[in-house]
Structures are given as C-alpha cells and as structure tokens.
Amino acid sequence: MRLLPLVCLLVVALAGAARAEDTPGDAEAKVAAHVHFDKGLAASNDQRFGEAEGEFEKAYRLWPDFRVLYNIGKVRVALGRAAEAVDAFEAYLDKGAGQIPEERRVEVREAIAAALARVATVTVRVSPDGAEIRVDGRLVGVAPLAGPVRVTEGKHTVEALLPSRPVQLREIDVPGASSLDVALDFPVAAKLEPAPPPAPAAPVLVDKPEAHDVAHRRHVIGYVVGSAGLAATIAGAIVAYEGASDANAARARLVTAAYGAMASDSRYDAAKIDFDAAKTRNQLGWALVGFGVAALVGGGALVLVGSGSSAGVGGTW
C-alpha cells in the first residue's frame, strides 16, 4: 500500500511557512514541523507506517494545521488502528470545516464509515469515582467517564487504578460495530470492630491436667498457625509489590511498543507477555496476603483461647 495522495498534502499542509507577519518563534515551529512532515511522508511511502505516524504527530504538535490530521488518519488505517483513525478523520473534518473541498469531505466520510465497521464502543463504569482508567495502558480519563471509549475490534485490557488499592483489570475481546459494558468495582474496605473483652474465667477448685494439656496444645498450634500466616503475609506482600512494579514497567513498554516512534508488533507482544506474567504474580501475591491474614487471625484466636483456658486451671475462690 502506497499513500501517494499524501504527496499533495506536503505543499498545502505547511504552506505559508515564511509569511512576513509570523513571529520568529512561529517561523521556527513551521520549519521544524515541515521537517517532521517530510520524514513522515518518506516513511509512509516506504510503508513504515508506525514511523510515519510518529513524524506526522510531531509535525501537528509543532504546528497544528488541520490538514496533517488527514495524513495521521491514513497511516492509522494502514496500521489497522481503526478507532484512532476515526478520531483523526473526525478531527480533520471538524477543524477544517468549510476549507475542505467537497470531494475530499466525501472521501473522508467514506473512510470513516469503513473504519467504523471495525470499531466497538466500551462503556466503563468504576466504583468509586476518581479512579484512573486506562485501555491497553493508555490513559482515557478519570471515573466517571463522559462517554464510551472507542476501540478497534479485538482483544484489549481495561484497568482502573486508585492509590493504595489493588488494580482492577478486565480482559475483553470485542467484535467490530458492537458495544460492551465493563464494570470495575473496588472492594469496600472491611471495617474492623474491636474485639470484645474476654469473659472472666470461671474459677476451678481442682487442677485438671487434661485441661492444661489442651490449653498448651492450643498455644502451640496458635503460634505455628500465626507464624505461618505472618510468613505468608510478608511473602505475599513482596510478590504483589514486585508483580505490580513489573506490570507497570511492562505497561510502559506496551505503550512505547504500540505508539512510540519505534513501534513494532514483536516488541508489543513481548511486553504483553511480561505484563500478563507480572499481573499474575500480583494477583498471587494478594492471594497469599489474604491467606496470611486469615492464618494470623486464626492463630491469634487459638492463642487467646489457650490463654483463657490456662487462666482457669488451678484457680481459687
């Protein structure tokens, strides 16, 4: 696929770069934008569409001429990113308004219609509000979102992030021209009630060795279970922390591999494998923490029960 129509855009997109009324800063920005535009044009004609997109985006950031959006939309179509292509084409029509020839408007509307057949809409609902929402590692907003998120058909990762809370994540696979609701709810933090004071032990006039042995066994079992729970809690916290750190690093590589100037499918796939593995370690870590806390509570209860039993043995009036 050769994007020959892009040649025509080179002259019109950055025309008037040296008008007398431009400030020196404006002129420098236009010249720099022109350089990136030329690089993007060369890359697109060589079918290096990922590189071309990066250069066109740099040109648009330096000098936001609406016509560059047309080029961005074309290379995104070539990259198979239909949802982002629609965003670029719609922005092109909106910002260009009456300056766009009717023939070009018809062409772009047809391109949008073709791309929308491969686009799905995802409505993301998160509780509580204020969570950061990411799709495939890309920040799309903070809950509640103003509207649905458009994605290209296929597999995607939807995440909700809150400080000091486990990441809520959902893997989805959506067909084109469809819609999907995704709910990501953070668990409500449990409210710990203070333990009631132990009931006074009934006095026992006669020492019962069998009761003393039972209390001792409870002590031993309680300490063993509590120690195992503590070890599991510490190990789980370490695994969860490392998994979260590795997941964040892999997510950054995902974004770079998908949208950076050196984007490539192989780098994206490798980063995705690392991200999935890190996510699994994070979930395993939290499971270990939950087991450890439960064991700590159970062991502590056994120790308390054993202590109460021992206090009653050999008591006097």
C-alpha atoms as a PDB file:
ATOM      1  CA  MET A   1       0.000   0.000   0.000  1.00  0.00           C
ATOM      2  CA  ARG A   2       1.432   3.341  -1.117  1.00  0.00           C
ATOM      3  CA  LEU A   3      -0.026   6.529   0.330  1.00  0.00           C
ATOM      4  CA  LEU A   4       0.614   8.618  -2.797  1.00  0.00           C
ATOM      5  CA  PRO A   5      -2.172  11.121  -2.042  1.00  0.00           C
ATOM      6  CA  LEU A   6      -0.004  12.263   0.882  1.00  0.00           C
ATOM      7  CA  VAL A   7       2.349  13.967  -1.583  1.00  0.00           C
ATOM      8  CA  CYS A   8      -0.330  16.514  -2.333  1.00  0.00           C
ATOM      9  CA  LEU A   9      -0.641  17.315   1.341  1.00  0.00           C
ATOM     10  CA  LEU A  10       3.023  18.302   1.646  1.00  0.00           C
ATOM     11  CA  VAL A  11       2.564  21.591  -0.174  1.00  0.00           C
ATOM     12  CA  VAL A  12      -0.825  22.592   1.217  1.00  0.00           C
ATOM     13  CA  ALA A  13      -0.363  21.422   4.836  1.00  0.00           C
ATOM     14  CA  LEU A  14       2.504  23.720   5.636  1.00  0.00           C
ATOM     15  CA  ALA A  15       2.081  26.442   3.011  1.00  0.00           C
ATOM     16  CA  GLY A  16       2.927  29.996   4.005  1.00  0.00           C
ATOM     17  CA  ALA A  17       5.711  28.941   6.380  1.00  0.00           C
ATOM     18  CA  ALA A  18       7.609  32.203   5.908  1.00  0.00           C
ATOM     19  CA  ARG A  19       4.847  34.803   5.864  1.00  0.00           C
ATOM     20  CA  ALA A  20       6.068  38.231   6.894  1.00  0.00           C
ATOM     21  CA  GLU A  21       3.564  38.583   9.727  1.00  0.00           C
ATOM     22  CA  ASP A  22       4.721  35.404  11.544  1.00  0.00           C
ATOM     23  CA  THR A  23       6.871  35.884  14.624  1.00  0.00           C
ATOM     24  CA  PRO A  24      10.338  34.290  14.677  1.00  0.00           C
ATOM     25  CA  GLY A  25       9.007  31.592  17.019  1.00  0.00           C
ATOM     26  CA  ASP A  26       6.150  30.804  14.628  1.00  0.00           C
ATOM     27  CA  ALA A  27       8.512  30.559  11.687  1.00  0.00           C
ATOM     28  CA  GLU A  28      10.832  28.202  13.563  1.00  0.00           C
ATOM     29  CA  ALA A  29       7.909  25.982  14.599  1.00  0.00           C
ATOM     30  CA  LYS A  30       6.682  25.792  10.999  1.00  0.00           C
ATOM     31  CA  VAL A  31      10.131  24.927   9.694  1.00  0.00           C
ATOM     32  CA  ALA A  32      10.531  22.170  12.315  1.00  0.00           C
ATOM     33  CA  ALA A  33       7.016  20.893  11.544  1.00  0.00           C
ATOM     34  CA  HIS A  34       7.880  20.855   7.841  1.00  0.00           C
ATOM     35  CA  VAL A  35      10.943  18.680   8.566  1.00  0.00           C
ATOM     36  CA  HIS A  36       8.891  16.124  10.510  1.00  0.00           C
ATOM     37  CA  PHE A  37       6.197  16.173   7.844  1.00  0.00           C
ATOM     38  CA  ASP A  38       8.773  15.355   5.153  1.00  0.00           C
ATOM     39  CA  LYS A  39      10.103  12.472   7.258  1.00  0.00           C
ATOM     40  CA  GLY A  40       6.582  11.154   7.783  1.00  0.00           C
ATOM     41  CA  LEU A  41       5.879  11.384   4.067  1.00  0.00           C
ATOM     42  CA  ALA A  42       9.026   9.424   3.202  1.00  0.00           C
ATOM     43  CA  ALA A  43       8.281   6.781   5.830  1.00  0.00           C
ATOM     44  CA  SER A  44       4.682   6.326   4.657  1.00  0.00           C
ATOM     45  CA  ASN A  45       5.759   5.949   1.036  1.00  0.00           C
ATOM     46  CA  ASP A  46       8.185   3.227   2.225  1.00  0.00           C
ATOM     47  CA  GLN A  47       5.298   1.597   4.142  1.00  0.00           C
ATOM     48  CA  ARG A  48       6.949   2.324   7.508  1.00  0.00           C
ATOM     49  CA  PHE A  49       3.613   3.449   8.846  1.00  0.00           C
ATOM     50  CA  GLY A  50       4.448   3.388  12.574  1.00  0.00           C
ATOM     51  CA  GLU A  51       7.368   5.726  11.998  1.00  0.00           C
ATOM     52  CA  ALA A  52       5.257   7.868   9.656  1.00  0.00           C
ATOM     53  CA  GLU A  53       2.547   8.309  12.286  1.00  0.00           C
ATOM     54  CA  GLY A  54       5.102   9.456  14.855  1.00  0.00           C
ATOM     55  CA  GLU A  55       6.558  12.053  12.483  1.00  0.00           C
ATOM     56  CA  PHE A  56       3.137  13.395  11.435  1.00  0.00           C
ATOM     57  CA  GLU A  57       2.091  13.699  15.084  1.00  0.00           C
ATOM     58  CA  LYS A  58       5.280  15.638  15.891  1.00  0.00           C
ATOM     59  CA  ALA A  59       4.564  17.958  12.946  1.00  0.00           C
ATOM     60  CA  TYR A  60       0.997  18.525  14.161  1.00  0.00           C
ATOM     61  CA  ARG A  61       2.121  19.281  17.720  1.00  0.00           C
ATOM     62  CA  LEU A  62       4.581  21.861  16.447  1.00  0.00           C
ATOM     63  CA  TRP A  63       2.152  23.483  14.013  1.00  0.00           C
ATOM     64  CA  PRO A  64      -1.430  22.165  14.289  1.00  0.00           C
ATOM     65  CA  ASP A  65      -2.545  22.555  10.685  1.00  0.00           C
ATOM     66  CA  PHE A  66      -5.766  20.555  10.348  1.00  0.00           C
ATOM     67  CA  ARG A  67      -4.637  19.024   7.058  1.00  0.00           C
ATOM     68  CA  VAL A  68      -1.951  16.972   8.793  1.00  0.00           C
ATOM     69  CA  LEU A  69      -4.783  15.119  10.574  1.00  0.00           C
ATOM     70  CA  TYR A  70      -5.752  13.617   7.222  1.00  0.00           C
ATOM     71  CA  ASN A  71      -2.294  12.055   6.926  1.00  0.00           C
ATOM     72  CA  ILE A  72      -2.462  10.785  10.501  1.00  0.00           C
ATOM     73  CA  GLY A  73      -5.817   9.148   9.787  1.00  0.00           C
ATOM     74  CA  LYS A  74      -4.484   7.460   6.626  1.00  0.00           C
ATOM     75  CA  VAL A  75      -1.467   5.884   8.328  1.00  0.00           C
ATOM     76  CA  ARG A  76      -3.597   4.725  11.265  1.00  0.00           C
ATOM     77  CA  VAL A  77      -5.862   2.922   8.788  1.00  0.00           C
ATOM     78  CA  ALA A  78      -2.753   1.277   7.319  1.00  0.00           C
ATOM     79  CA  LEU A  79      -1.676   0.264  10.854  1.00  0.00           C
ATOM     80  CA  GLY A  80      -5.061  -1.372  11.500  1.00  0.00           C
ATOM     81  CA  ARG A  81      -5.979   1.063  14.303  1.00  0.00           C
ATOM     82  CA  ALA A  82      -9.481   1.834  13.072  1.00  0.00           C
ATOM     83  CA  ALA A  83     -10.739   3.590  16.219  1.00  0.00           C
ATOM     84  CA  GLU A  84      -7.835   6.053  16.286  1.00  0.00           C
ATOM     85  CA  ALA A  85      -8.157   6.612  12.539  1.00  0.00           C
ATOM     86  CA  VAL A  86     -11.790   7.646  13.049  1.00  0.00           C
ATOM     87  CA  ASP A  87     -10.679  10.097  15.762  1.00  0.00           C
ATOM     88  CA  ALA A  88      -8.164  11.699  13.388  1.00  0.00           C
ATOM     89  CA  PHE A  89     -10.586  11.887  10.442  1.00  0.00           C
ATOM     90  CA  GLU A  90     -13.372  13.386  12.557  1.00  0.00           C
ATOM     91  CA  ALA A  91     -10.979  15.995  13.959  1.00  0.00           C
ATOM     92  CA  TYR A  92      -9.880  16.761  10.382  1.00  0.00           C
ATOM     93  CA  LEU A  93     -13.484  17.402   9.266  1.00  0.00           C
ATOM     94  CA  ASP A  94     -14.292  19.391  12.393  1.00  0.00           C
ATOM     95  CA  LYS A  95     -11.232  21.655  12.318  1.00  0.00           C
ATOM     96  CA  GLY A  96     -11.169  22.019   8.544  1.00  0.00           C
ATOM     97  CA  ALA A  97     -14.870  22.869   8.261  1.00  0.00           C
ATOM     98  CA  GLY A  98     -15.527  24.863   5.092  1.00  0.00           C
ATOM     99  CA  GLN A  99     -11.875  24.833   3.998  1.00  0.00           C
ATOM    100  CA  ILE A 100     -12.073  21.184   2.880  1.00  0.00           C
ATOM    101  CA  PRO A 101     -13.146  20.577  -0.753  1.00  0.00           C
ATOM    102  CA  GLU A 102     -16.361  18.605  -1.093  1.00  0.00           C
ATOM    103  CA  GLU A 103     -14.592  15.790  -2.944  1.00  0.00           C
ATOM    104  CA  ARG A 104     -12.185  15.323  -0.039  1.00  0.00           C
ATOM    105  CA  ARG A 105     -15.045  15.503   2.513  1.00  0.00           C
ATOM    106  CA  VAL A 106     -16.818  12.681   0.679  1.00  0.00           C
ATOM    107  CA  GLU A 107     -13.613  10.612   0.639  1.00  0.00           C
ATOM    108  CA  VAL A 108     -13.044  11.098   4.375  1.00  0.00           C
ATOM    109  CA  ARG A 109     -16.671  10.298   5.267  1.00  0.00           C
ATOM    110  CA  GLU A 110     -16.374   7.047   3.311  1.00  0.00           C
ATOM    111  CA  ALA A 111     -13.118   6.234   5.139  1.00  0.00           C
ATOM    112  CA  ILE A 112     -14.827   6.868   8.482  1.00  0.00           C
ATOM    113  CA  ALA A 113     -17.746   4.597   7.553  1.00  0.00           C
ATOM    114  CA  ALA A 114     -15.372   1.807   6.532  1.00  0.00           C
ATOM    115  CA  ALA A 115     -13.336   2.161   9.730  1.00  0.00           C
ATOM    116  CA  LEU A 116     -16.415   2.214  11.991  1.00  0.00           C
ATOM    117  CA  ALA A 117     -17.289  -1.294  10.811  1.00  0.00           C
ATOM    118  CA  ARG A 118     -14.184  -2.389  12.763  1.00  0.00           C
ATOM    119  CA  VAL A 119     -14.786  -0.201  15.819  1.00  0.00           C
ATOM    120  CA  ALA A 120     -16.525  -1.144  19.083  1.00  0.00           C
ATOM    121  CA  THR A 121     -17.660   1.134  21.914  1.00  0.00           C
ATOM    122  CA  VAL A 122     -16.871   0.213  25.518  1.00  0.00           C
ATOM    123  CA  THR A 123     -18.738   1.848  28.406  1.00  0.00           C
ATOM    124  CA  VAL A 124     -16.542   1.673  31.512  1.00  0.00           C
ATOM    125  CA  ARG A 125     -18.181   2.102  34.916  1.00  0.00           C
ATOM    126  CA  VAL A 126     -15.985   2.255  38.004  1.00  0.00           C
ATOM    127  CA  SER A 127     -16.898   2.488  41.685  1.00  0.00           C
ATOM    128  CA  PRO A 128     -15.846   4.618  43.463  1.00  0.00           C
ATOM    129  CA  ASP A 129     -15.413   7.733  41.313  1.00  0.00           C
ATOM    130  CA  GLY A 130     -11.946   9.220  40.886  1.00  0.00           C
ATOM    131  CA  ALA A 131     -10.184   6.107  39.636  1.00  0.00           C
ATOM    132  CA  GLU A 132      -7.778   6.479  36.713  1.00  0.00           C
ATOM    133  CA  ILE A 133      -8.999   4.450  33.711  1.00  0.00           C
ATOM    134  CA  ARG A 134      -6.615   3.005  31.122  1.00  0.00           C
ATOM    135  CA  VAL A 135      -7.270   0.997  27.972  1.00  0.00           C
ATOM    136  CA  ASP A 136      -4.290  -1.017  26.708  1.00  0.00           C
ATOM    137  CA  GLY A 137      -2.121   1.073  29.022  1.00  0.00           C
ATOM    138  CA  ARG A 138      -3.338   4.382  27.553  1.00  0.00           C
ATOM    139  CA  LEU A 139      -4.997   6.837  29.928  1.00  0.00           C
ATOM    140  CA  VAL A 140      -8.540   7.577  28.709  1.00  0.00           C
ATOM    141  CA  GLY A 141      -9.797   9.588  31.692  1.00  0.00           C
ATOM    142  CA  VAL A 142     -10.898   9.531  35.310  1.00  0.00           C
ATOM    143  CA  ALA A 143     -14.113   7.892  36.526  1.00  0.00           C
ATOM    144  CA  PRO A 144     -16.818   8.728  35.768  1.00  0.00           C
ATOM    145  CA  LEU A 145     -16.011   8.994  32.045  1.00  0.00           C
ATOM    146  CA  ALA A 146     -18.017  11.429  29.954  1.00  0.00           C
ATOM    147  CA  GLY A 147     -18.958   8.711  27.458  1.00  0.00           C
ATOM    148  CA  PRO A 148     -17.997   5.349  25.928  1.00  0.00           C
ATOM    149  CA  VAL A 149     -14.468   4.619  24.735  1.00  0.00           C
ATOM    150  CA  ARG A 150     -13.954   3.619  21.106  1.00  0.00           C
ATOM    151  CA  VAL A 151     -11.607   0.673  20.464  1.00  0.00           C
ATOM    152  CA  THR A 152     -10.620  -1.313  17.402  1.00  0.00           C
ATOM    153  CA  GLU A 153     -12.129  -4.793  17.232  1.00  0.00           C
ATOM    154  CA  GLY A 154     -10.131  -7.484  19.016  1.00  0.00           C
ATOM    155  CA  LYS A 155      -8.586  -8.021  22.451  1.00  0.00           C
ATOM    156  CA  HIS A 156      -7.988  -5.173  24.895  1.00  0.00           C
ATOM    157  CA  THR A 157      -7.111  -4.617  28.547  1.00  0.00           C
ATOM    158  CA  VAL A 158      -9.238  -2.250  30.655  1.00  0.00           C
ATOM    159  CA  GLU A 159      -7.810  -1.105  34.002  1.00  0.00           C
ATOM    160  CA  ALA A 160      -8.938   1.055  36.914  1.00  0.00           C
ATOM    161  CA  LEU A 161      -6.288   2.395  39.313  1.00  0.00           C
ATOM    162  CA  LEU A 162      -6.604   4.013  42.732  1.00  0.00           C
ATOM    163  CA  PRO A 163      -3.700   4.817  45.072  1.00  0.00           C
ATOM    164  CA  SER A 164      -3.010   2.106  47.658  1.00  0.00           C
ATOM    165  CA  ARG A 165      -5.678  -0.191  46.178  1.00  0.00           C
ATOM    166  CA  PRO A 166      -5.274  -3.370  44.076  1.00  0.00           C
ATOM    167  CA  VAL A 167      -5.551  -2.710  40.330  1.00  0.00           C
ATOM    168  CA  GLN A 168      -8.932  -3.686  38.912  1.00  0.00           C
ATOM    169  CA  LEU A 169      -8.387  -5.233  35.470  1.00  0.00           C
ATOM    170  CA  ARG A 170     -10.578  -6.794  32.802  1.00  0.00           C
ATOM    171  CA  GLU A 171      -9.528  -8.514  29.568  1.00  0.00           C
ATOM    172  CA  ILE A 172     -12.099  -8.068  26.789  1.00  0.00           C
ATOM    173  CA  ASP A 173     -12.486  -9.310  23.203  1.00  0.00           C
ATOM    174  CA  VAL A 174     -14.940  -7.247  21.162  1.00  0.00           C
ATOM    175  CA  PRO A 175     -16.123  -7.594  17.546  1.00  0.00           C
ATOM    176  CA  GLY A 176     -16.482  -4.598  15.248  1.00  0.00           C
ATOM    177  CA  ALA A 177     -19.641  -2.465  15.254  1.00  0.00           C
ATOM    178  CA  SER A 178     -20.555  -3.657  18.764  1.00  0.00           C
ATOM    179  CA  SER A 179     -20.866  -2.213  22.264  1.00  0.00           C
ATOM    180  CA  LEU A 180     -19.884  -3.576  25.656  1.00  0.00           C
ATOM    181  CA  ASP A 181     -20.365  -2.501  29.287  1.00  0.00           C
ATOM    182  CA  VAL A 182     -17.438  -3.096  31.667  1.00  0.00           C
ATOM    183  CA  ALA A 183     -17.871  -2.665  35.439  1.00  0.00           C
ATOM    184  CA  LEU A 184     -14.761  -2.388  37.621  1.00  0.00           C
ATOM    185  CA  ASP A 185     -15.611  -2.061  41.315  1.00  0.00           C
ATOM    186  CA  PHE A 186     -13.007  -1.720  44.026  1.00  0.00           C
ATOM    187  CA  PRO A 187     -13.867  -3.881  47.076  1.00  0.00           C
ATOM    188  CA  VAL A 188     -15.118  -1.927  50.068  1.00  0.00           C
ATOM    189  CA  ALA A 189     -12.508  -1.869  52.811  1.00  0.00           C
ATOM    190  CA  ALA A 190     -13.603  -4.021  55.733  1.00  0.00           C
ATOM    191  CA  LYS A 191     -14.368  -2.133  58.935  1.00  0.00           C
ATOM    192  CA  LEU A 192     -12.605  -3.844  61.802  1.00  0.00           C
ATOM    193  CA  GLU A 193     -14.611  -3.854  65.036  1.00  0.00           C
ATOM    194  CA  PRO A 194     -12.666  -4.010  68.315  1.00  0.00           C
ATOM    195  CA  ALA A 195     -12.591  -7.486  69.798  1.00  0.00           C
ATOM    196  CA  PRO A 196     -14.838  -7.853  72.858  1.00  0.00           C
ATOM    197  CA  PRO A 197     -13.006  -8.287  76.168  1.00  0.00           C
ATOM    198  CA  PRO A 198     -12.625 -11.945  77.164  1.00  0.00           C
ATOM    199  CA  ALA A 199     -15.207 -13.216  79.591  1.00  0.00           C
ATOM    200  CA  PRO A 200     -13.857 -13.811  83.096  1.00  0.00           C
ATOM    201  CA  ALA A 201     -12.810 -17.403  83.538  1.00  0.00           C
ATOM    202  CA  ALA A 202     -14.864 -19.424  85.955  1.00  0.00           C
ATOM    203  CA  PRO A 203     -12.791 -20.434  88.983  1.00  0.00           C
ATOM    204  CA  VAL A 204     -11.839 -24.096  89.152  1.00  0.00           C
ATOM    205  CA  LEU A 205     -11.134 -25.639  92.517  1.00  0.00           C
ATOM    206  CA  VAL A 206      -9.409 -28.735  91.253  1.00  0.00           C
ATOM    207  CA  ASP A 207      -6.475 -28.764  88.871  1.00  0.00           C
ATOM    208  CA  LYS A 208      -7.271 -30.800  85.766  1.00  0.00           C
ATOM    209  CA  PRO A 209      -4.141 -31.902  83.910  1.00  0.00           C
ATOM    210  CA  GLU A 210      -6.166 -32.768  80.795  1.00  0.00           C
ATOM    211  CA  ALA A 211      -7.455 -29.175  80.538  1.00  0.00           C
ATOM    212  CA  HIS A 212      -3.926 -27.860  80.954  1.00  0.00           C
ATOM    213  CA  ASP A 213      -2.709 -30.133  78.133  1.00  0.00           C
ATOM    214  CA  VAL A 214      -5.495 -28.919  75.804  1.00  0.00           C
ATOM    215  CA  ALA A 215      -4.598 -25.287  76.532  1.00  0.00           C
ATOM    216  CA  HIS A 216      -0.928 -25.980  75.864  1.00  0.00           C
ATOM    217  CA  ARG A 217      -1.720 -27.644  72.541  1.00  0.00           C
ATOM    218  CA  ARG A 218      -3.850 -24.638  71.551  1.00  0.00           C
ATOM    219  CA  HIS A 219      -0.944 -22.362  72.398  1.00  0.00           C
ATOM    220  CA  VAL A 220       1.461 -24.355  70.239  1.00  0.00           C
ATOM    221  CA  ILE A 221      -0.955 -24.674  67.319  1.00  0.00           C
ATOM    222  CA  GLY A 222      -1.833 -20.979  67.558  1.00  0.00           C
ATOM    223  CA  TYR A 223       1.801 -19.890  67.409  1.00  0.00           C
ATOM    224  CA  VAL A 224       2.518 -22.239  64.483  1.00  0.00           C
ATOM    225  CA  VAL A 225      -0.508 -21.060  62.500  1.00  0.00           C
ATOM    226  CA  GLY A 226       0.197 -17.419  63.351  1.00  0.00           C
ATOM    227  CA  SER A 227       3.854 -17.747  62.322  1.00  0.00           C
ATOM    228  CA  ALA A 228       2.851 -19.362  59.023  1.00  0.00           C
ATOM    229  CA  GLY A 229       0.327 -16.572  58.478  1.00  0.00           C
ATOM    230  CA  LEU A 230       2.930 -13.901  59.141  1.00  0.00           C
ATOM    231  CA  ALA A 231       5.374 -15.540  56.712  1.00  0.00           C
ATOM    232  CA  ALA A 232       2.655 -15.851  54.042  1.00  0.00           C
ATOM    233  CA  THR A 233       1.621 -12.224  54.535  1.00  0.00           C
ATOM    234  CA  ILE A 234       5.188 -10.948  54.136  1.00  0.00           C
ATOM    235  CA  ALA A 235       5.894 -13.197  51.147  1.00  0.00           C
ATOM    236  CA  GLY A 236       2.588 -12.244  49.514  1.00  0.00           C
ATOM    237  CA  ALA A 237       3.249  -8.539  50.003  1.00  0.00           C
ATOM    238  CA  ILE A 238       6.680  -8.907  48.375  1.00  0.00           C
ATOM    239  CA  VAL A 239       5.288 -10.898  45.434  1.00  0.00           C
ATOM    240  CA  ALA A 240       2.389  -8.444  44.992  1.00  0.00           C
ATOM    241  CA  TYR A 241       4.716  -5.443  45.100  1.00  0.00           C
ATOM    242  CA  GLU A 242       7.143  -6.960  42.609  1.00  0.00           C
ATOM    243  CA  GLY A 243       4.257  -8.016  40.355  1.00  0.00           C
ATOM    244  CA  ALA A 244       2.793  -4.503  40.431  1.00  0.00           C
ATOM    245  CA  SER A 245       6.197  -2.935  39.706  1.00  0.00           C
ATOM    246  CA  ASP A 246       6.874  -5.325  36.845  1.00  0.00           C
ATOM    247  CA  ALA A 247       3.344  -4.772  35.492  1.00  0.00           C
ATOM    248  CA  ASN A 248       3.845  -1.004  35.496  1.00  0.00           C
ATOM    249  CA  ALA A 249       7.168  -1.389  33.696  1.00  0.00           C
ATOM    250  CA  ALA A 250       5.637  -3.782  31.156  1.00  0.00           C
ATOM    251  CA  ARG A 251       2.684  -1.417  30.686  1.00  0.00           C
ATOM    252  CA  ALA A 252       5.105   1.394  29.848  1.00  0.00           C
ATOM    253  CA  ARG A 253       6.806  -0.857  27.285  1.00  0.00           C
ATOM    254  CA  LEU A 254       3.377  -1.744  25.855  1.00  0.00           C
ATOM    255  CA  VAL A 255       2.623   1.930  25.310  1.00  0.00           C
ATOM    256  CA  THR A 256       6.038   2.521  23.730  1.00  0.00           C
ATOM    257  CA  ALA A 257       5.717  -0.554  21.513  1.00  0.00           C
ATOM    258  CA  ALA A 258       2.200   0.428  20.419  1.00  0.00           C
ATOM    259  CA  TYR A 259       2.514   4.160  19.975  1.00  0.00           C
ATOM    260  CA  GLY A 260       6.174   5.160  20.111  1.00  0.00           C
ATOM    261  CA  ALA A 261       8.334   6.130  17.195  1.00  0.00           C
ATOM    262  CA  MET A 262       9.883   2.618  17.223  1.00  0.00           C
ATOM    263  CA  ALA A 263       6.571   0.764  17.499  1.00  0.00           C
ATOM    264  CA  SER A 264       6.625  -2.904  16.477  1.00  0.00           C
ATOM    265  CA  ASP A 265       4.345  -5.894  16.859  1.00  0.00           C
ATOM    266  CA  SER A 266       7.140  -8.107  18.210  1.00  0.00           C
ATOM    267  CA  ARG A 267       8.032  -5.620  20.956  1.00  0.00           C
ATOM    268  CA  TYR A 268       4.363  -5.210  21.790  1.00  0.00           C
ATOM    269  CA  ASP A 269       3.828  -8.996  22.022  1.00  0.00           C
ATOM    270  CA  ALA A 270       6.900  -9.407  24.252  1.00  0.00           C
ATOM    271  CA  ALA A 271       5.757  -6.571  26.507  1.00  0.00           C
ATOM    272  CA  LYS A 272       2.242  -8.077  26.648  1.00  0.00           C
ATOM    273  CA  ILE A 273       3.642 -11.445  27.780  1.00  0.00           C
ATOM    274  CA  ASP A 274       5.679  -9.710  30.511  1.00  0.00           C
ATOM    275  CA  PHE A 275       2.625  -7.693  31.566  1.00  0.00           C
ATOM    276  CA  ASP A 276       0.401 -10.791  31.843  1.00  0.00           C
ATOM    277  CA  ALA A 277       3.052 -12.630  33.876  1.00  0.00           C
ATOM    278  CA  ALA A 278       3.527  -9.663  36.212  1.00  0.00           C
ATOM    279  CA  LYS A 279      -0.225  -9.312  36.636  1.00  0.00           C
ATOM    280  CA  THR A 280      -0.486 -12.995  37.588  1.00  0.00           C
ATOM    281  CA  ARG A 281       2.288 -12.546  40.190  1.00  0.00           C
ATOM    282  CA  ASN A 282       0.485  -9.516  41.592  1.00  0.00           C
ATOM    283  CA  GLN A 283      -2.749 -11.485  41.953  1.00  0.00           C
ATOM    284  CA  LEU A 284      -0.898 -14.444  43.522  1.00  0.00           C
ATOM    285  CA  GLY A 285       0.752 -12.054  45.971  1.00  0.00           C
ATOM    286  CA  TRP A 286      -2.583 -10.642  47.094  1.00  0.00           C
ATOM    287  CA  ALA A 287      -3.970 -14.176  47.473  1.00  0.00           C
ATOM    288  CA  LEU A 288      -1.016 -15.049  49.730  1.00  0.00           C
ATOM    289  CA  VAL A 289      -1.612 -11.882  51.750  1.00  0.00           C
ATOM    290  CA  GLY A 290      -5.258 -12.856  52.226  1.00  0.00           C
ATOM    291  CA  PHE A 291      -4.282 -16.377  53.322  1.00  0.00           C
ATOM    292  CA  GLY A 292      -1.624 -14.992  55.658  1.00  0.00           C
ATOM    293  CA  VAL A 293      -4.000 -12.530  57.327  1.00  0.00           C
ATOM    294  CA  ALA A 294      -6.569 -15.282  57.825  1.00  0.00           C
ATOM    295  CA  ALA A 295      -3.912 -17.531  59.359  1.00  0.00           C
ATOM    296  CA  LEU A 296      -2.711 -14.724  61.632  1.00  0.00           C
ATOM    297  CA  VAL A 297      -6.248 -14.131  62.875  1.00  0.00           C
ATOM    298  CA  GLY A 298      -6.870 -17.861  63.371  1.00  0.00           C
ATOM    299  CA  GLY A 299      -3.559 -18.392  65.163  1.00  0.00           C
ATOM    300  CA  GLY A 300      -4.144 -15.378  67.389  1.00  0.00           C
ATOM    301  CA  ALA A 301      -7.584 -16.686  68.301  1.00  0.00           C
ATOM    302  CA  LEU A 302      -6.136 -20.062  69.272  1.00  0.00           C
ATOM    303  CA  VAL A 303      -3.500 -18.388  71.447  1.00  0.00           C
ATOM    304  CA  LEU A 304      -6.160 -16.267  73.168  1.00  0.00           C
ATOM    305  CA  VAL A 305      -8.413 -19.275  73.727  1.00  0.00           C
ATOM    306  CA  GLY A 306      -5.486 -21.247  75.092  1.00  0.00           C
ATOM    307  CA  SER A 307      -4.552 -18.406  77.432  1.00  0.00           C
ATOM    308  CA  GLY A 308      -8.099 -18.170  78.721  1.00  0.00           C
ATOM    309  CA  SER A 309      -8.182 -21.908  79.372  1.00  0.00           C
ATOM    310  CA  SER A 310      -4.856 -21.824  81.223  1.00  0.00           C
ATOM    311  CA  ALA A 311      -6.017 -18.979  83.448  1.00  0.00           C
ATOM    312  CA  GLY A 312      -8.902 -21.076  84.675  1.00  0.00           C
ATOM    313  CA  VAL A 313      -6.829 -24.082  85.634  1.00  0.00           C
ATOM    314  CA  GLY A 314      -5.919 -24.297  89.315  1.00  0.00           C
ATOM    315  CA  GLY A 315      -7.804 -21.114  90.234  1.00  0.00           C
ATOM    316  CA  THR A 316      -9.178 -20.427  93.749  1.00  0.00           C
ATOM    317  CA  TRP A 317     -12.225 -18.665  95.113  1.00  0.00           C
END
